[in-house]
């Protein structure tokens, strides 16, 4: 009987070790909350057009995020609702959305690479890439943008809750 108990305890311990090694490391929600700031172009857009800055609000909640941009009128509007996922490791993360639209012709990726600088600041790199290669139209160009800046943590706002 004692041999059976020892065997079961050893088997349970081995089972726990085997599956614990495959478990994803726990990551605290250091980045959860609302972050806001302006991102500046790293290079001119196609045709030399330059936008002074892109005002961005990120609302991070675990593995999901919402992204908002401010229009010329200062009003915030959500970009790609329900599409952004968060891939976090300790104090840094990638906030990513990758989708298609316009009859599956327009493929678009938005990514924010963020790192916590201090308790209230996220160093942020933004990239946007659009492929229109399947559109088969001379007017439909593929393009990319790159921006960078610092986002500042904002007080909690119940109006922006991640999906």
N, C-alpha and C. Protein backbone atom coordinates (compact mmCIF):
# COMPACT_ATOMS: atom_id res chain seq x y z
N UNK A 1 0.81 -1.19 0.00
CA UNK A 1 0.00 0.00 0.00
C UNK A 1 0.86 1.26 0.00
N UNK A 2 1.91 1.25 0.80
CA UNK A 2 2.81 2.38 0.88
C UNK A 2 3.47 2.63 -0.47
N UNK A 3 3.82 1.55 -1.17
CA UNK A 3 4.44 1.69 -2.49
C UNK A 3 3.49 2.38 -3.46
N UNK A 4 2.20 2.08 -3.40
CA UNK A 4 1.22 2.71 -4.27
C UNK A 4 1.11 4.20 -3.97
N UNK A 5 1.11 4.56 -2.70
CA UNK A 5 1.01 5.97 -2.31
C UNK A 5 2.24 6.73 -2.78
N UNK A 6 3.42 6.16 -2.55
CA UNK A 6 4.66 6.80 -2.98
C UNK A 6 4.65 6.95 -4.50
N UNK A 7 4.22 5.90 -5.21
CA UNK A 7 4.15 5.96 -6.68
C UNK A 7 3.21 7.07 -7.13
N UNK A 8 2.04 7.18 -6.52
CA UNK A 8 1.06 8.19 -6.91
C UNK A 8 1.57 9.60 -6.62
N UNK A 9 2.24 9.79 -5.49
CA UNK A 9 2.80 11.10 -5.16
C UNK A 9 3.88 11.47 -6.16
N UNK A 10 4.77 10.52 -6.46
CA UNK A 10 5.84 10.78 -7.45
C UNK A 10 5.26 11.07 -8.83
N UNK A 11 4.25 10.31 -9.23
CA UNK A 11 3.62 10.53 -10.54
C UNK A 11 2.96 11.90 -10.59
N UNK A 12 2.27 12.29 -9.51
CA UNK A 12 1.63 13.61 -9.48
C UNK A 12 2.67 14.72 -9.54
N UNK A 13 3.80 14.54 -8.84
CA UNK A 13 4.87 15.53 -8.85
C UNK A 13 5.48 15.64 -10.25
N UNK A 14 5.74 14.50 -10.90
CA UNK A 14 6.30 14.50 -12.26
C UNK A 14 5.33 15.14 -13.25
N UNK A 15 4.05 14.86 -13.11
CA UNK A 15 3.02 15.44 -13.97
C UNK A 15 3.02 16.96 -13.83
N UNK A 16 3.08 17.43 -12.57
CA UNK A 16 3.09 18.88 -12.32
C UNK A 16 4.33 19.52 -12.93
N UNK A 17 5.49 18.91 -12.77
CA UNK A 17 6.73 19.46 -13.34
C UNK A 17 6.67 19.50 -14.86
N UNK A 18 6.15 18.45 -15.45
CA UNK A 18 6.10 18.37 -16.91
C UNK A 18 5.25 19.48 -17.50
N UNK A 19 4.12 19.75 -16.89
CA UNK A 19 3.23 20.77 -17.44
C UNK A 19 3.58 22.18 -16.98
N UNK A 20 4.24 22.32 -15.85
CA UNK A 20 4.65 23.65 -15.38
C UNK A 20 5.72 24.22 -16.30
N UNK A 21 6.56 23.36 -16.87
CA UNK A 21 7.62 23.84 -17.77
C UNK A 21 7.03 24.45 -19.03
N UNK A 22 5.86 23.99 -19.46
CA UNK A 22 5.22 24.51 -20.67
C UNK A 22 4.33 25.70 -20.40
N UNK A 23 4.09 26.01 -19.13
CA UNK A 23 3.18 27.10 -18.81
C UNK A 23 3.80 28.44 -19.19
N UNK A 24 2.95 29.36 -19.62
CA UNK A 24 3.39 30.71 -19.97
C UNK A 24 3.74 31.45 -18.68
N UNK A 25 4.88 32.15 -18.65
CA UNK A 25 5.24 32.87 -17.42
C UNK A 25 4.18 33.92 -17.07
N UNK A 26 3.94 34.05 -15.79
CA UNK A 26 2.96 35.03 -15.34
C UNK A 26 3.49 36.43 -15.59
N UNK A 27 2.65 37.30 -16.11
CA UNK A 27 3.03 38.69 -16.37
C UNK A 27 2.01 39.57 -15.68
N UNK A 28 2.49 40.43 -14.81
CA UNK A 28 1.59 41.35 -14.14
C UNK A 28 1.06 42.36 -15.14
N UNK A 29 0.01 43.00 -14.75
CA UNK A 29 -0.63 43.97 -15.65
C UNK A 29 -0.05 45.36 -15.44
N UNK A 30 1.27 45.48 -15.51
CA UNK A 30 1.95 46.76 -15.31
C UNK A 30 1.47 47.81 -16.31
N UNK A 31 1.07 47.39 -17.49
CA UNK A 31 0.74 48.34 -18.55
C UNK A 31 -0.76 48.62 -18.65
N UNK A 32 -1.57 47.94 -17.85
CA UNK A 32 -3.01 48.16 -17.91
C UNK A 32 -3.33 49.62 -17.59
N UNK A 33 -4.30 50.15 -18.31
CA UNK A 33 -4.74 51.51 -18.08
C UNK A 33 -4.82 52.29 -19.38
N UNK A 34 -4.99 53.57 -19.24
CA UNK A 34 -5.14 54.45 -20.40
C UNK A 34 -3.88 55.30 -20.56
N UNK A 35 -3.35 55.32 -21.78
CA UNK A 35 -2.12 56.02 -22.11
C UNK A 35 -2.40 56.96 -23.27
N UNK A 36 -1.84 58.15 -23.21
CA UNK A 36 -2.16 59.14 -24.23
C UNK A 36 -0.93 59.99 -24.55
N UNK A 37 -0.81 60.37 -25.83
CA UNK A 37 0.30 61.23 -26.23
C UNK A 37 0.31 61.44 -27.73
N UNK A 38 1.36 62.10 -28.20
CA UNK A 38 1.51 62.40 -29.63
C UNK A 38 2.72 61.66 -30.18
N UNK A 39 2.53 61.06 -31.34
CA UNK A 39 3.61 60.34 -32.02
C UNK A 39 3.99 61.12 -33.26
N UNK A 40 5.29 61.34 -33.44
CA UNK A 40 5.79 62.11 -34.59
C UNK A 40 6.32 61.19 -35.66
N UNK A 41 6.19 61.64 -36.93
CA UNK A 41 6.70 60.87 -38.06
C UNK A 41 8.20 60.66 -37.92
N UNK A 42 8.65 59.46 -38.25
CA UNK A 42 10.08 59.18 -38.28
C UNK A 42 10.67 59.48 -39.65
N UNK A 43 9.80 59.48 -40.66
CA UNK A 43 10.22 59.80 -42.03
C UNK A 43 9.01 60.35 -42.77
N UNK A 44 9.22 61.12 -43.81
CA UNK A 44 8.08 61.65 -44.57
C UNK A 44 7.29 60.53 -45.23
N UNK A 45 6.00 60.74 -45.36
CA UNK A 45 5.15 59.77 -46.06
C UNK A 45 5.44 59.84 -47.55
N UNK A 46 4.85 58.91 -48.29
CA UNK A 46 5.01 58.91 -49.75
C UNK A 46 4.61 60.26 -50.31
N UNK A 47 5.36 60.78 -51.26
CA UNK A 47 5.08 62.07 -51.84
C UNK A 47 5.59 63.23 -50.99
N UNK A 48 6.32 62.91 -49.92
CA UNK A 48 6.90 63.96 -49.08
C UNK A 48 5.93 64.60 -48.11
N UNK A 49 4.68 64.11 -48.04
CA UNK A 49 3.70 64.68 -47.10
C UNK A 49 4.13 64.37 -45.67
N UNK A 50 4.01 65.35 -44.81
CA UNK A 50 4.34 65.15 -43.41
C UNK A 50 3.17 65.60 -42.56
N UNK A 51 2.74 64.74 -41.67
CA UNK A 51 1.75 65.11 -40.68
C UNK A 51 2.53 65.45 -39.43
N UNK A 52 2.19 66.55 -38.79
CA UNK A 52 2.96 66.98 -37.63
C UNK A 52 3.00 65.92 -36.54
N UNK A 53 1.84 65.38 -36.20
CA UNK A 53 1.80 64.36 -35.16
C UNK A 53 0.48 63.61 -35.22
N UNK A 54 0.50 62.43 -34.65
CA UNK A 54 -0.70 61.62 -34.51
C UNK A 54 -1.00 61.53 -33.02
N UNK A 55 -2.14 62.05 -32.61
CA UNK A 55 -2.53 61.97 -31.21
C UNK A 55 -3.20 60.62 -30.99
N UNK A 56 -2.67 59.87 -30.02
CA UNK A 56 -3.08 58.48 -29.80
C UNK A 56 -3.47 58.28 -28.35
N UNK A 57 -4.50 57.46 -28.16
CA UNK A 57 -4.89 56.99 -26.83
C UNK A 57 -4.96 55.47 -26.89
N UNK A 58 -4.18 54.81 -26.04
CA UNK A 58 -4.23 53.35 -25.91
C UNK A 58 -4.91 53.01 -24.60
N UNK A 59 -5.86 52.10 -24.65
CA UNK A 59 -6.47 51.59 -23.43
C UNK A 59 -6.14 50.10 -23.38
N UNK A 60 -5.25 49.73 -22.46
CA UNK A 60 -4.78 48.35 -22.35
C UNK A 60 -5.47 47.69 -21.17
N UNK A 61 -6.00 46.50 -21.42
CA UNK A 61 -6.65 45.71 -20.37
C UNK A 61 -6.29 44.24 -20.59
N UNK A 62 -5.22 43.80 -19.94
CA UNK A 62 -4.79 42.41 -20.09
C UNK A 62 -4.29 42.15 -21.49
N UNK A 63 -4.93 41.20 -22.17
CA UNK A 63 -4.49 40.81 -23.52
C UNK A 63 -5.26 41.52 -24.64
N UNK A 64 -6.09 42.48 -24.27
CA UNK A 64 -6.85 43.25 -25.26
C UNK A 64 -6.54 44.73 -25.12
N UNK A 65 -6.77 45.47 -26.19
CA UNK A 65 -6.55 46.91 -26.16
C UNK A 65 -7.53 47.59 -27.10
N UNK A 66 -7.75 48.85 -26.82
CA UNK A 66 -8.48 49.73 -27.72
C UNK A 66 -7.53 50.85 -28.11
N UNK A 67 -7.61 51.28 -29.36
CA UNK A 67 -6.78 52.37 -29.85
C UNK A 67 -7.69 53.46 -30.37
N UNK A 68 -7.41 54.70 -29.98
CA UNK A 68 -8.17 55.85 -30.42
C UNK A 68 -7.20 56.86 -31.01
N UNK A 69 -7.66 57.61 -32.02
CA UNK A 69 -6.88 58.73 -32.54
C UNK A 69 -7.76 59.97 -32.48
N UNK A 70 -7.11 61.12 -32.32
CA UNK A 70 -7.85 62.38 -32.25
C UNK A 70 -7.88 63.02 -33.63
N UNK A 71 -9.07 63.42 -34.04
CA UNK A 71 -9.23 64.11 -35.31
C UNK A 71 -8.84 65.57 -35.19
N UNK A 72 -8.94 66.30 -36.29
CA UNK A 72 -8.62 67.73 -36.28
C UNK A 72 -9.51 68.51 -35.32
N UNK A 73 -10.73 67.98 -35.08
CA UNK A 73 -11.66 68.63 -34.16
C UNK A 73 -11.37 68.29 -32.70
N UNK A 74 -10.35 67.42 -32.47
CA UNK A 74 -9.99 67.04 -31.11
C UNK A 74 -10.79 65.89 -30.54
N UNK A 75 -11.77 65.40 -31.31
CA UNK A 75 -12.60 64.29 -30.82
C UNK A 75 -11.90 62.96 -31.08
N UNK A 76 -12.02 62.06 -30.11
CA UNK A 76 -11.40 60.75 -30.21
C UNK A 76 -12.31 59.78 -30.96
N UNK A 77 -11.72 58.99 -31.85
CA UNK A 77 -12.49 57.92 -32.50
C UNK A 77 -11.67 56.64 -32.48
N UNK A 78 -12.36 55.54 -32.23
CA UNK A 78 -11.68 54.24 -32.11
C UNK A 78 -11.25 53.72 -33.47
N UNK A 79 -10.05 53.16 -33.51
CA UNK A 79 -9.49 52.56 -34.72
C UNK A 79 -9.60 51.05 -34.58
N UNK A 80 -10.11 50.40 -35.59
CA UNK A 80 -10.20 48.93 -35.62
C UNK A 80 -10.80 48.34 -34.34
N UNK A 81 -12.04 48.71 -34.02
CA UNK A 81 -12.65 48.23 -32.78
C UNK A 81 -12.62 46.71 -32.66
N UNK A 82 -12.19 46.25 -31.49
CA UNK A 82 -12.16 44.82 -31.19
C UNK A 82 -11.03 44.04 -31.84
N UNK A 83 -10.15 44.69 -32.57
CA UNK A 83 -9.10 43.99 -33.33
C UNK A 83 -7.75 43.92 -32.61
N UNK A 84 -7.49 44.80 -31.64
CA UNK A 84 -6.15 44.88 -31.05
C UNK A 84 -5.94 43.87 -29.93
N UNK A 85 -4.82 43.16 -30.04
CA UNK A 85 -4.38 42.22 -29.01
C UNK A 85 -3.08 42.72 -28.41
N UNK A 86 -2.83 42.33 -27.16
CA UNK A 86 -1.63 42.75 -26.46
C UNK A 86 -0.77 41.52 -26.17
N UNK A 87 0.49 41.60 -26.55
CA UNK A 87 1.47 40.56 -26.28
C UNK A 87 2.50 41.19 -25.34
N UNK A 88 2.35 40.91 -24.04
CA UNK A 88 3.14 41.60 -23.02
C UNK A 88 4.16 40.67 -22.39
N UNK A 89 5.31 41.24 -22.08
CA UNK A 89 6.35 40.55 -21.32
C UNK A 89 6.89 41.56 -20.32
N UNK A 90 6.54 41.38 -19.06
CA UNK A 90 6.96 42.27 -17.98
C UNK A 90 6.59 43.73 -18.28
N UNK A 91 7.60 44.58 -18.57
CA UNK A 91 7.35 46.01 -18.72
C UNK A 91 7.30 46.47 -20.18
N UNK A 92 7.20 45.55 -21.11
CA UNK A 92 7.09 45.93 -22.52
C UNK A 92 6.02 45.07 -23.20
N UNK A 93 5.55 45.56 -24.35
CA UNK A 93 4.49 44.84 -25.05
C UNK A 93 4.43 45.27 -26.51
N UNK A 94 3.74 44.45 -27.28
CA UNK A 94 3.36 44.81 -28.64
C UNK A 94 1.84 44.80 -28.66
N UNK A 95 1.27 45.91 -29.12
CA UNK A 95 -0.18 46.02 -29.29
C UNK A 95 -0.41 45.95 -30.79
N UNK A 96 -1.14 44.94 -31.25
CA UNK A 96 -1.18 44.60 -32.66
C UNK A 96 -2.58 44.34 -33.18
N UNK A 97 -2.86 44.88 -34.38
CA UNK A 97 -4.07 44.54 -35.13
C UNK A 97 -3.65 44.28 -36.56
N UNK A 98 -4.19 43.22 -37.13
CA UNK A 98 -3.87 42.82 -38.50
C UNK A 98 -5.17 42.36 -39.14
N UNK A 99 -5.65 43.09 -40.15
CA UNK A 99 -6.92 42.71 -40.73
C UNK A 99 -7.00 43.08 -42.20
N UNK A 100 -8.12 42.75 -42.82
CA UNK A 100 -8.39 43.06 -44.23
C UNK A 100 -9.77 43.67 -44.33
N UNK A 101 -9.97 44.45 -45.40
CA UNK A 101 -11.30 44.98 -45.69
C UNK A 101 -11.37 45.40 -47.14
N UNK A 102 -12.43 46.04 -47.54
CA UNK A 102 -12.67 46.41 -48.93
C UNK A 102 -12.65 45.17 -49.82
N UNK A 103 -13.51 44.21 -49.46
CA UNK A 103 -13.59 42.98 -50.25
C UNK A 103 -12.32 42.15 -50.15
N UNK A 104 -11.64 42.22 -49.00
CA UNK A 104 -10.40 41.48 -48.76
C UNK A 104 -9.27 41.97 -49.66
N UNK A 105 -9.39 43.19 -50.14
CA UNK A 105 -8.38 43.79 -51.02
C UNK A 105 -7.33 44.54 -50.22
N UNK A 106 -7.73 45.19 -49.15
CA UNK A 106 -6.88 46.06 -48.36
C UNK A 106 -6.41 45.30 -47.13
N UNK A 107 -5.13 44.93 -47.05
CA UNK A 107 -4.55 44.27 -45.88
C UNK A 107 -3.80 45.33 -45.08
N UNK A 108 -4.10 45.39 -43.78
CA UNK A 108 -3.51 46.46 -42.98
C UNK A 108 -3.07 45.94 -41.61
N UNK A 109 -1.88 46.40 -41.18
CA UNK A 109 -1.34 46.07 -39.87
C UNK A 109 -1.00 47.36 -39.13
N UNK A 110 -1.46 47.45 -37.91
CA UNK A 110 -1.07 48.53 -37.00
C UNK A 110 -0.35 47.86 -35.83
N UNK A 111 0.82 48.38 -35.46
CA UNK A 111 1.53 47.84 -34.30
C UNK A 111 2.11 48.97 -33.46
N UNK A 112 1.98 48.82 -32.17
CA UNK A 112 2.58 49.74 -31.20
C UNK A 112 3.52 48.90 -30.35
N UNK A 113 4.79 49.21 -30.38
CA UNK A 113 5.76 48.56 -29.50
C UNK A 113 6.00 49.53 -28.36
N UNK A 114 5.72 49.09 -27.13
CA UNK A 114 5.78 49.99 -25.99
C UNK A 114 6.68 49.41 -24.90
N UNK A 115 7.32 50.30 -24.17
CA UNK A 115 8.15 49.92 -23.02
C UNK A 115 7.93 50.94 -21.92
N UNK A 116 7.70 50.46 -20.73
CA UNK A 116 7.48 51.34 -19.59
C UNK A 116 8.80 52.04 -19.25
N UNK A 117 8.79 53.37 -19.25
CA UNK A 117 9.97 54.17 -18.97
C UNK A 117 10.02 54.49 -17.48
N UNK A 118 8.89 54.87 -16.95
CA UNK A 118 8.71 55.05 -15.51
C UNK A 118 7.24 54.78 -15.23
N UNK A 119 6.79 55.02 -14.05
CA UNK A 119 5.41 54.65 -13.69
C UNK A 119 4.36 55.33 -14.55
N UNK A 120 4.70 56.44 -15.19
CA UNK A 120 3.70 57.21 -15.93
C UNK A 120 3.98 57.39 -17.40
N UNK A 121 5.02 56.76 -17.95
CA UNK A 121 5.39 56.98 -19.35
C UNK A 121 5.66 55.67 -20.08
N UNK A 122 5.16 55.61 -21.32
CA UNK A 122 5.46 54.49 -22.22
C UNK A 122 6.24 55.02 -23.41
N UNK A 123 7.45 54.54 -23.61
CA UNK A 123 8.19 54.84 -24.82
C UNK A 123 7.50 54.03 -25.91
N UNK A 124 7.14 54.67 -27.02
CA UNK A 124 6.27 54.04 -28.01
C UNK A 124 6.80 54.19 -29.43
N UNK A 125 6.79 53.09 -30.17
CA UNK A 125 7.06 53.09 -31.62
C UNK A 125 5.81 52.56 -32.30
N UNK A 126 5.35 53.27 -33.30
CA UNK A 126 4.14 52.89 -34.04
C UNK A 126 4.52 52.56 -35.48
N UNK A 127 3.96 51.50 -35.99
CA UNK A 127 4.15 51.15 -37.39
C UNK A 127 2.82 50.80 -38.03
N UNK A 128 2.63 51.26 -39.24
CA UNK A 128 1.43 50.92 -40.01
C UNK A 128 1.88 50.50 -41.39
N UNK A 129 1.39 49.36 -41.84
CA UNK A 129 1.72 48.87 -43.18
C UNK A 129 0.43 48.46 -43.87
N UNK A 130 0.27 48.90 -45.11
CA UNK A 130 -0.92 48.58 -45.90
C UNK A 130 -0.47 47.97 -47.21
N UNK A 131 -1.07 46.83 -47.55
CA UNK A 131 -0.81 46.19 -48.83
C UNK A 131 -2.09 46.18 -49.65
N UNK A 132 -2.00 46.76 -50.84
CA UNK A 132 -3.13 46.77 -51.76
C UNK A 132 -2.81 45.96 -53.01
N UNK A 133 -1.88 45.04 -52.91
CA UNK A 133 -1.42 44.31 -54.08
C UNK A 133 -2.55 43.50 -54.73
N UNK A 134 -3.53 43.07 -53.95
CA UNK A 134 -4.64 42.29 -54.52
C UNK A 134 -5.74 43.14 -55.11
N UNK A 135 -5.65 44.47 -55.00
CA UNK A 135 -6.71 45.34 -55.49
C UNK A 135 -6.70 45.47 -57.01
N UNK A 136 -5.56 45.23 -57.61
CA UNK A 136 -5.44 45.28 -59.07
C UNK A 136 -5.90 46.62 -59.64
N UNK A 137 -5.48 47.69 -58.97
CA UNK A 137 -5.84 49.04 -59.40
C UNK A 137 -4.61 49.92 -59.28
N UNK A 138 -4.41 50.77 -60.29
CA UNK A 138 -3.25 51.67 -60.27
C UNK A 138 -3.35 52.68 -59.14
N UNK A 139 -4.57 53.01 -58.70
CA UNK A 139 -4.77 53.99 -57.63
C UNK A 139 -4.54 53.39 -56.24
N UNK A 140 -4.58 52.08 -56.14
CA UNK A 140 -4.45 51.41 -54.85
C UNK A 140 -2.99 51.08 -54.59
N UNK A 141 -2.32 51.96 -53.84
CA UNK A 141 -0.91 51.77 -53.55
C UNK A 141 -0.72 51.10 -52.19
N UNK A 142 0.38 50.38 -52.05
CA UNK A 142 0.79 49.87 -50.75
C UNK A 142 1.67 50.94 -50.11
N UNK A 143 1.62 51.05 -48.79
CA UNK A 143 2.41 52.08 -48.12
C UNK A 143 2.66 51.70 -46.67
N UNK A 144 3.55 52.44 -46.02
CA UNK A 144 3.84 52.22 -44.62
C UNK A 144 4.15 53.54 -43.93
N UNK A 145 3.97 53.56 -42.62
CA UNK A 145 4.26 54.75 -41.80
C UNK A 145 4.99 54.29 -40.55
N UNK A 146 5.83 55.16 -40.02
CA UNK A 146 6.52 54.88 -38.76
C UNK A 146 6.51 56.16 -37.93
N UNK A 147 6.17 56.01 -36.66
CA UNK A 147 6.12 57.16 -35.76
C UNK A 147 6.65 56.74 -34.39
N UNK A 148 7.03 57.73 -33.61
CA UNK A 148 7.53 57.44 -32.27
C UNK A 148 7.19 58.58 -31.33
N UNK A 149 7.17 58.28 -30.05
CA UNK A 149 6.91 59.29 -29.05
C UNK A 149 6.74 58.66 -27.68
N UNK A 150 6.21 59.43 -26.77
CA UNK A 150 5.99 58.98 -25.40
C UNK A 150 4.51 59.16 -25.08
N UNK A 151 3.92 58.11 -24.52
CA UNK A 151 2.53 58.18 -24.06
C UNK A 151 2.55 58.29 -22.54
N UNK A 152 1.63 59.09 -22.00
CA UNK A 152 1.55 59.33 -20.56
C UNK A 152 0.30 58.67 -20.01
N UNK A 153 0.44 58.06 -18.84
CA UNK A 153 -0.71 57.41 -18.22
C UNK A 153 -1.74 58.46 -17.81
N UNK A 154 -3.01 58.15 -18.06
CA UNK A 154 -4.12 59.05 -17.77
C UNK A 154 -4.95 58.48 -16.62
N UNK A 155 -5.70 59.34 -15.95
CA UNK A 155 -6.61 58.82 -14.92
C UNK A 155 -7.60 57.85 -15.54
N UNK A 156 -8.08 56.91 -14.74
CA UNK A 156 -9.04 55.92 -15.22
C UNK A 156 -10.25 56.59 -15.83
N UNK A 157 -10.72 56.03 -16.99
CA UNK A 157 -11.86 56.56 -17.70
C UNK A 157 -12.74 55.39 -18.10
N UNK A 158 -13.94 55.34 -17.54
CA UNK A 158 -14.83 54.23 -17.82
C UNK A 158 -15.39 54.24 -19.23
N UNK A 159 -15.22 55.33 -19.97
CA UNK A 159 -15.80 55.41 -21.32
C UNK A 159 -14.99 54.61 -22.33
N UNK A 160 -13.76 54.22 -21.99
CA UNK A 160 -12.93 53.43 -22.90
C UNK A 160 -12.56 52.13 -22.21
N UNK A 161 -13.34 51.12 -22.49
CA UNK A 161 -13.11 49.82 -21.87
C UNK A 161 -12.78 48.82 -22.96
N UNK A 162 -11.69 48.10 -22.80
CA UNK A 162 -11.29 47.13 -23.82
C UNK A 162 -12.33 46.03 -23.94
N UNK A 163 -12.48 45.55 -25.16
CA UNK A 163 -13.46 44.49 -25.46
C UNK A 163 -13.00 43.17 -24.88
